[in-house]
Amino acid sequence: MGRLQARALGHPDLPIAVVPHPFGSRTRAEVRQLAEQCVEEVARLVGEAVPQPAPG
């Protein structure tokens, strides 16, 4: 779904962090651990160069 949205908004190469679901069956500690992992992934993705679309 994220890929489709990024493409629709004109950013097909936008890096996307994937978050495991569902959350409802997880404990607070498990959700916290997932969040910490996601923060690391988002920080890594932010540091990557994102190709700019060609003018046209």
Protein backbone atom coordinates (compact mmCIF):
# COMPACT_ATOMS: atom_id res chain seq x y z
CA MET A 1 0.00 0.00 0.00
CA GLY A 2 2.84 2.39 0.83
CA ARG A 3 4.48 1.75 -2.55
CA LEU A 4 1.24 2.52 -4.37
CA GLN A 5 0.75 5.74 -2.41
CA ALA A 6 4.35 6.85 -3.01
CA ARG A 7 3.99 6.16 -6.73
CA ALA A 8 0.66 8.00 -6.89
CA LEU A 9 2.28 11.03 -5.25
CA GLY A 10 5.12 11.03 -7.77
CA HIS A 11 7.78 9.44 -5.55
CA PRO A 12 8.09 5.82 -6.74
CA ASP A 13 11.60 5.43 -5.27
CA LEU A 14 10.75 6.79 -1.82
CA PRO A 15 12.26 4.55 0.88
CA ILE A 16 9.58 2.89 3.00
CA ALA A 17 9.96 1.41 6.49
CA VAL A 18 7.86 -1.72 6.99
CA VAL A 19 6.25 -2.17 10.41
CA PRO A 20 5.09 -5.68 11.37
CA HIS A 21 1.39 -6.04 12.16
CA PRO A 22 -0.89 -6.67 14.03
CA PHE A 23 -0.26 -4.75 17.24
CA GLY A 24 -3.36 -5.83 19.14
CA SER A 25 -1.97 -9.20 20.19
CA ARG A 26 1.42 -7.81 21.30
CA THR A 27 2.47 -6.75 24.78
CA ARG A 28 3.65 -3.21 25.51
CA ALA A 29 7.22 -4.51 25.70
CA GLU A 30 6.89 -6.13 22.27
CA VAL A 31 5.44 -2.95 20.74
CA ARG A 32 8.25 -0.90 22.32
CA GLN A 33 10.84 -3.27 20.86
CA LEU A 34 9.23 -2.98 17.40
CA ALA A 35 9.20 0.81 17.72
CA GLU A 36 12.89 0.88 18.62
CA GLN A 37 13.68 -1.30 15.61
CA CYS A 38 11.57 0.95 13.37
CA VAL A 39 13.36 4.07 14.60
CA GLU A 40 16.67 2.51 13.57
CA GLU A 41 15.26 1.61 10.15
CA VAL A 42 13.77 5.08 9.62
CA ALA A 43 17.08 6.71 10.60
CA ARG A 44 18.87 4.49 8.07
CA LEU A 45 16.35 5.33 5.34
CA VAL A 46 16.56 9.07 6.03
CA GLY A 47 20.31 8.88 5.51
CA GLU A 48 19.94 7.33 2.05
CA ALA A 49 19.93 9.50 -1.04
CA VAL A 50 16.54 9.54 -2.74
CA PRO A 51 16.72 9.77 -6.54
CA GLN A 52 14.97 12.85 -7.85
CA PRO A 53 12.45 12.42 -10.68
CA ALA A 54 13.60 13.60 -14.08
CA PRO A 55 12.08 16.93 -15.12
CA GLY A 56 9.46 16.60 -17.70
